[in-house]
Structure formats: structure tokens, C-alpha cells
N, C-alpha and C. Protein backbone atom coordinates (compact mmCIF):
# COMPACT_ATOMS: atom_id res chain seq x y z
N MET A 1 -142.55 -191.11 -176.79
CA MET A 1 -143.16 -189.50 -177.51
C MET A 1 -143.57 -188.98 -176.07
N LEU A 2 -144.10 -187.59 -175.80
CA LEU A 2 -145.10 -186.99 -174.62
C LEU A 2 -146.42 -186.80 -175.46
N GLY A 3 -147.41 -187.00 -174.13
CA GLY A 3 -148.46 -187.33 -174.87
C GLY A 3 -149.09 -185.49 -175.02
N PRO A 4 -150.45 -185.33 -175.23
CA PRO A 4 -151.01 -183.99 -175.08
C PRO A 4 -151.07 -183.36 -174.19
N GLU A 5 -151.59 -184.02 -173.27
CA GLU A 5 -151.39 -183.75 -171.92
C GLU A 5 -150.05 -182.84 -171.42
N ALA A 6 -148.86 -183.35 -171.87
CA ALA A 6 -147.41 -183.10 -171.64
C ALA A 6 -147.49 -181.65 -171.33
N LYS A 7 -146.62 -180.95 -170.44
CA LYS A 7 -146.77 -179.46 -170.52
C LYS A 7 -145.06 -179.90 -170.41
N ALA A 8 -144.60 -178.60 -171.26
CA ALA A 8 -143.65 -178.08 -171.17
C ALA A 8 -143.00 -177.58 -169.99
N VAL A 9 -141.27 -177.96 -169.68
CA VAL A 9 -140.96 -177.94 -168.01
C VAL A 9 -139.89 -176.63 -168.76
N ARG A 10 -139.85 -175.51 -168.12
CA ARG A 10 -138.60 -174.42 -168.22
C ARG A 10 -137.53 -174.50 -166.98
N PRO A 11 -136.14 -174.88 -167.27
CA PRO A 11 -136.20 -174.89 -165.76
C PRO A 11 -135.45 -173.35 -165.20
N GLU A 12 -135.71 -173.54 -164.28
CA GLU A 12 -135.30 -172.15 -163.07
C GLU A 12 -134.21 -171.29 -163.52
N PRO A 13 -133.93 -170.21 -163.66
CA PRO A 13 -132.85 -169.17 -163.89
C PRO A 13 -131.83 -169.70 -163.11
N THR A 14 -130.98 -169.72 -163.56
CA THR A 14 -128.80 -170.18 -162.62
C THR A 14 -128.98 -168.78 -162.26
N VAL A 15 -128.56 -168.14 -160.67
CA VAL A 15 -128.40 -167.15 -160.24
C VAL A 15 -127.23 -167.54 -160.41
N VAL A 16 -126.05 -166.71 -160.15
CA VAL A 16 -124.48 -166.91 -159.64
C VAL A 16 -124.00 -165.47 -159.41
N LYS A 17 -123.57 -166.06 -157.93
CA LYS A 17 -123.25 -165.12 -157.05
C LYS A 17 -121.38 -164.87 -157.05
N PRO A 18 -121.22 -163.58 -157.22
CA PRO A 18 -119.83 -163.60 -157.18
C PRO A 18 -119.25 -164.05 -155.93
N ALA A 19 -117.72 -163.90 -156.17
CA ALA A 19 -117.26 -164.66 -155.18
C ALA A 19 -117.30 -163.40 -154.31
N PRO A 20 -116.95 -163.57 -152.81
CA PRO A 20 -116.21 -162.30 -152.56
C PRO A 20 -115.28 -161.83 -151.91
N LYS A 21 -114.27 -161.98 -152.56
CA LYS A 21 -112.46 -161.92 -152.71
C LYS A 21 -113.02 -160.47 -154.18
N VAL A 22 -113.45 -160.87 -155.24
CA VAL A 22 -114.16 -160.20 -155.61
C VAL A 22 -114.61 -159.03 -155.67
N VAL A 23 -115.54 -159.18 -155.00
CA VAL A 23 -117.02 -158.27 -154.72
C VAL A 23 -115.68 -157.56 -153.80
N ARG A 24 -115.37 -158.01 -153.13
CA ARG A 24 -114.54 -157.37 -152.45
C ARG A 24 -113.86 -156.34 -153.00
N GLN A 25 -112.64 -156.38 -153.68
CA GLN A 25 -112.47 -155.93 -154.94
C GLN A 25 -112.82 -154.49 -155.14
N VAL A 26 -113.85 -154.67 -156.21
CA VAL A 26 -114.69 -153.94 -156.63
C VAL A 26 -115.08 -152.97 -155.87
N LEU A 27 -115.94 -153.10 -154.75
CA LEU A 27 -116.30 -151.85 -153.37
C LEU A 27 -114.64 -151.45 -153.21
N THR A 28 -113.63 -152.14 -152.91
CA THR A 28 -112.77 -151.62 -152.49
C THR A 28 -112.13 -150.22 -153.69
N ARG A 29 -111.84 -150.31 -154.80
CA ARG A 29 -112.22 -149.46 -155.81
C ARG A 29 -112.98 -148.92 -156.28
N TYR A 30 -114.36 -148.47 -155.97
CA TYR A 30 -115.31 -148.00 -156.18
C TYR A 30 -114.85 -147.16 -154.57
N ALA A 31 -114.60 -146.95 -153.37
CA ALA A 31 -114.77 -146.60 -152.31
C ALA A 31 -113.22 -145.55 -152.70
N THR A 32 -112.26 -145.92 -153.50
CA THR A 32 -110.98 -145.37 -153.85
C THR A 32 -111.18 -144.08 -154.47
N LEU A 33 -111.86 -144.70 -156.03
CA LEU A 33 -112.49 -143.73 -156.57
C LEU A 33 -113.06 -142.54 -155.88
N ARG A 34 -114.29 -142.95 -155.33
CA ARG A 34 -115.07 -142.39 -155.03
C ARG A 34 -114.64 -140.99 -154.02
N ILE A 35 -114.24 -141.21 -153.17
CA ILE A 35 -112.57 -140.70 -152.38
C ILE A 35 -111.91 -139.48 -153.02
N ALA A 36 -110.94 -139.63 -153.94
CA ALA A 36 -110.23 -139.32 -155.04
C ALA A 36 -111.12 -138.60 -155.54
N GLN A 37 -112.83 -138.25 -156.25
CA GLN A 37 -113.38 -137.96 -157.11
C GLN A 37 -113.17 -136.28 -156.29
N ALA A 38 -113.65 -137.14 -154.60
CA ALA A 38 -114.33 -135.93 -153.80
C ALA A 38 -113.30 -134.62 -152.55
N GLU A 39 -111.63 -135.46 -153.57
CA GLU A 39 -110.60 -134.38 -153.02
C GLU A 39 -110.52 -133.77 -154.11
N ARG A 40 -110.00 -134.09 -156.17
CA ARG A 40 -109.98 -133.45 -156.46
C ARG A 40 -110.71 -134.34 -158.13
N TYR A 41 -110.73 -133.49 -158.69
CA TYR A 41 -111.98 -133.86 -159.90
C TYR A 41 -110.41 -134.47 -161.22
N SER A 42 -111.44 -135.59 -161.68
CA SER A 42 -110.63 -136.15 -162.76
C SER A 42 -111.57 -136.43 -163.60
N PRO A 43 -111.26 -136.15 -165.21
CA PRO A 43 -111.86 -136.98 -165.67
C PRO A 43 -112.11 -138.90 -166.36
N ALA A 44 -110.46 -139.06 -166.19
CA ALA A 44 -109.99 -139.98 -166.04
C ALA A 44 -110.67 -141.67 -164.96
N ALA A 45 -110.74 -140.70 -163.63
CA ALA A 45 -111.08 -141.28 -162.69
C ALA A 45 -113.06 -141.12 -162.79
N ALA A 46 -113.23 -140.61 -163.15
CA ALA A 46 -114.34 -140.22 -163.64
C ALA A 46 -115.12 -141.47 -164.14
N ARG A 47 -114.29 -141.16 -165.75
CA ARG A 47 -114.56 -142.64 -166.41
C ARG A 47 -114.65 -143.59 -165.51
N GLU A 48 -113.46 -143.98 -164.66
CA GLU A 48 -113.17 -145.30 -163.89
C GLU A 48 -114.01 -145.73 -163.48
N LEU A 49 -114.97 -144.68 -162.36
CA LEU A 49 -115.83 -144.62 -161.81
C LEU A 49 -116.84 -145.48 -162.11
N ASP A 50 -117.17 -144.86 -163.24
CA ASP A 50 -118.36 -145.09 -163.71
C ASP A 50 -118.63 -146.43 -164.22
N ASP A 51 -117.40 -146.88 -164.68
CA ASP A 51 -117.31 -148.51 -165.28
C ASP A 51 -116.73 -149.31 -164.12
N VAL A 52 -116.62 -148.66 -162.73
CA VAL A 52 -116.42 -149.61 -161.73
C VAL A 52 -118.11 -149.65 -160.76
N THR A 53 -118.82 -148.63 -161.22
CA THR A 53 -120.21 -148.30 -160.16
C THR A 53 -120.94 -149.23 -161.12
N HIS A 54 -120.96 -149.58 -162.53
CA HIS A 54 -121.71 -150.44 -163.57
C HIS A 54 -121.74 -151.40 -162.98
N ARG A 55 -119.64 -152.58 -163.35
CA ARG A 55 -119.79 -153.41 -163.24
C ARG A 55 -119.88 -154.33 -161.46
N LEU A 56 -120.08 -153.25 -160.79
CA LEU A 56 -120.58 -153.35 -159.13
C LEU A 56 -122.07 -154.01 -159.67
N CYS A 57 -123.29 -153.20 -160.09
CA CYS A 57 -124.33 -153.53 -160.71
C CYS A 57 -124.60 -154.69 -161.02
N VAL A 58 -123.36 -155.26 -162.29
CA VAL A 58 -124.29 -155.92 -162.32
C VAL A 58 -123.74 -157.20 -162.10
N MET A 59 -122.59 -156.82 -161.12
CA MET A 59 -122.01 -158.23 -160.12
C MET A 59 -123.18 -158.55 -159.03
N MET A 60 -123.71 -157.53 -158.73
CA MET A 60 -124.87 -157.28 -158.34
C MET A 60 -126.27 -158.16 -158.09
N GLY A 61 -126.69 -157.44 -159.79
CA GLY A 61 -128.05 -158.11 -160.26
C GLY A 61 -128.72 -157.12 -160.05
N THR A 62 -128.14 -155.69 -160.18
CA THR A 62 -129.55 -154.52 -160.17
C THR A 62 -129.04 -153.00 -160.50
N PRO A 63 -129.77 -152.72 -161.08
CA PRO A 63 -129.24 -151.39 -162.02
C PRO A 63 -129.05 -150.33 -161.22
N VAL A 64 -129.53 -150.15 -159.63
CA VAL A 64 -129.13 -149.29 -158.46
C VAL A 64 -128.35 -149.19 -157.44
N LEU A 65 -127.07 -148.28 -158.14
CA LEU A 65 -125.94 -148.88 -157.35
C LEU A 65 -126.68 -148.99 -155.51
N ARG A 66 -127.35 -148.25 -155.11
CA ARG A 66 -127.69 -148.33 -153.56
C ARG A 66 -128.08 -149.68 -153.07
N ASP A 67 -128.77 -150.31 -154.46
CA ASP A 67 -129.12 -151.50 -154.19
C ASP A 67 -127.99 -152.85 -154.09
N ALA A 68 -127.21 -152.67 -154.67
CA ALA A 68 -125.89 -153.16 -155.71
C ALA A 68 -125.02 -153.25 -153.98
N ILE A 69 -124.68 -152.08 -153.79
CA ILE A 69 -123.33 -151.52 -152.69
C ILE A 69 -124.17 -152.62 -151.48
N ALA A 70 -125.61 -152.56 -151.13
CA ALA A 70 -126.33 -153.15 -150.32
C ALA A 70 -126.19 -154.94 -150.34
N ARG A 71 -126.55 -154.89 -151.25
CA ARG A 71 -126.13 -156.97 -151.84
C ARG A 71 -124.74 -157.15 -151.55
N ALA A 72 -124.67 -156.18 -152.18
CA ALA A 72 -122.47 -156.54 -151.51
C ALA A 72 -121.72 -156.71 -150.42
N ASP A 73 -123.01 -155.79 -149.82
CA ASP A 73 -122.70 -155.61 -148.04
C ASP A 73 -123.20 -157.31 -147.75
N ALA A 74 -124.62 -157.68 -147.95
CA ALA A 74 -125.36 -158.69 -147.12
C ALA A 74 -124.04 -160.12 -147.41
N LEU A 75 -123.66 -159.74 -148.97
CA LEU A 75 -122.98 -160.73 -149.12
C LEU A 75 -122.02 -161.21 -148.82
N LEU A 76 -121.47 -159.71 -148.22
CA LEU A 76 -119.89 -159.80 -147.99
C LEU A 76 -120.02 -160.84 -146.10
N ALA A 77 -121.26 -160.14 -145.50
CA ALA A 77 -121.82 -159.94 -144.63
C ALA A 77 -121.82 -161.90 -144.07
N GLY A 78 -122.31 -162.36 -145.53
CA GLY A 78 -122.43 -163.88 -145.26
C GLY A 78 -121.68 -164.43 -145.37
N ALA A 79 -120.43 -164.34 -145.89
CA ALA A 79 -119.63 -164.72 -146.22
C ALA A 79 -118.46 -164.86 -145.10
N ARG A 80 -118.56 -164.28 -143.84
CA ARG A 80 -117.67 -164.00 -142.80
C ARG A 80 -117.67 -165.50 -142.28
N PRO A 81 -116.74 -166.06 -142.14
CA PRO A 81 -116.19 -166.99 -141.80
C PRO A 81 -116.81 -167.39 -140.49
N THR A 82 -117.26 -168.76 -139.76
CA THR A 82 -117.70 -168.39 -138.18
C THR A 82 -117.04 -169.74 -137.22
N ASP A 83 -115.53 -169.78 -138.62
CA ASP A 83 -114.85 -170.58 -137.56
C ASP A 83 -113.65 -170.29 -136.52
N GLY A 84 -113.61 -168.42 -136.13
CA GLY A 84 -112.44 -168.16 -135.89
C GLY A 84 -111.35 -167.17 -137.12
N ARG A 85 -111.90 -167.75 -138.29
CA ARG A 85 -110.83 -167.14 -139.12
C ARG A 85 -111.42 -165.78 -139.70
N THR A 86 -110.61 -164.74 -140.33
CA THR A 86 -110.24 -163.31 -140.92
C THR A 86 -110.32 -163.80 -141.81
N PRO A 87 -110.78 -162.58 -142.49
CA PRO A 87 -110.69 -162.49 -144.27
C PRO A 87 -109.23 -162.19 -144.74
N ALA A 88 -108.48 -161.75 -143.81
CA ALA A 88 -107.04 -161.19 -143.59
C ALA A 88 -106.81 -162.22 -143.52
N ALA A 89 -106.61 -163.32 -142.67
CA ALA A 89 -106.07 -164.98 -142.44
C ALA A 89 -106.04 -165.87 -143.95
N ASP A 90 -107.41 -165.19 -144.48
CA ASP A 90 -107.59 -166.14 -146.03
C ASP A 90 -107.35 -165.52 -147.17
N GLY A 91 -106.83 -164.07 -146.74
CA GLY A 91 -105.69 -164.36 -148.04
C GLY A 91 -107.01 -162.62 -148.78
N GLU A 92 -107.69 -163.00 -148.26
CA GLU A 92 -108.97 -161.79 -148.79
C GLU A 92 -109.02 -160.72 -148.48
N GLY A 93 -108.07 -159.79 -147.97
CA GLY A 93 -107.77 -158.40 -147.14
C GLY A 93 -108.83 -157.89 -146.05
N LEU A 94 -109.25 -156.46 -146.47
CA LEU A 94 -109.61 -156.38 -145.18
C LEU A 94 -111.29 -155.89 -145.52
N PRO A 95 -112.11 -157.15 -144.71
CA PRO A 95 -113.71 -156.54 -145.00
C PRO A 95 -114.38 -155.49 -144.72
N LEU A 96 -115.64 -155.11 -146.17
CA LEU A 96 -115.57 -153.64 -146.15
C LEU A 96 -117.09 -153.88 -146.10
N ALA A 97 -117.87 -155.09 -145.37
CA ALA A 97 -119.25 -154.58 -145.09
C ALA A 97 -119.17 -154.85 -143.45
N GLY A 98 -120.19 -154.20 -143.00
CA GLY A 98 -120.82 -154.15 -141.33
C GLY A 98 -119.73 -153.76 -140.38
């Protein structure tokens, strides 16, 4: 049993980083929808763009889209292989960051 001087210890919250491949896919979908909306507005695409924007913000842990994109770019930049391999060679498509 713990004595009166013992303090409760709270564990540090665990932060889960999304997989770079998933972040890349969401960023690609976001960019595609933004381009489509700029070319020709569609209510269905607008709803999907809202959903993708929300998903990106949640994945990156921020309510601000600009911050979510910056964090996604930083995550992807840090996920680049240093052994000469490319994301395409790893089956992850083209990098969107940098």
C-alpha cells in the first residue's frame, strides 16, 4: 500500500503519428478536390473537400488547416528514406512535401 506522501503518477499522453502513406493519400485527395473546385464548383465535391479537410486536421492534431498541411509536410519530409530509395520505389507514390 502507498503511504500518505505517495503521489499519483499520470502517464504521459501517447501521440500516434499517422503513416506517411496515409498522409500522402489524404494530401493528394485534398489537392485534387481543391483543383476541381477551382475549375468548376460542385456541391458534392465541396462536401468531400470539407470531409478531407477535417480528416487531415484530425490526423495532424490541429484544428487549423494551414498548420495541418505544415505538419503533414514535416512528417513526410522526415519519412523520406536516406538510403537512396524513393517513396515510389517503396510503393508510396510521389512525395507531396518539399
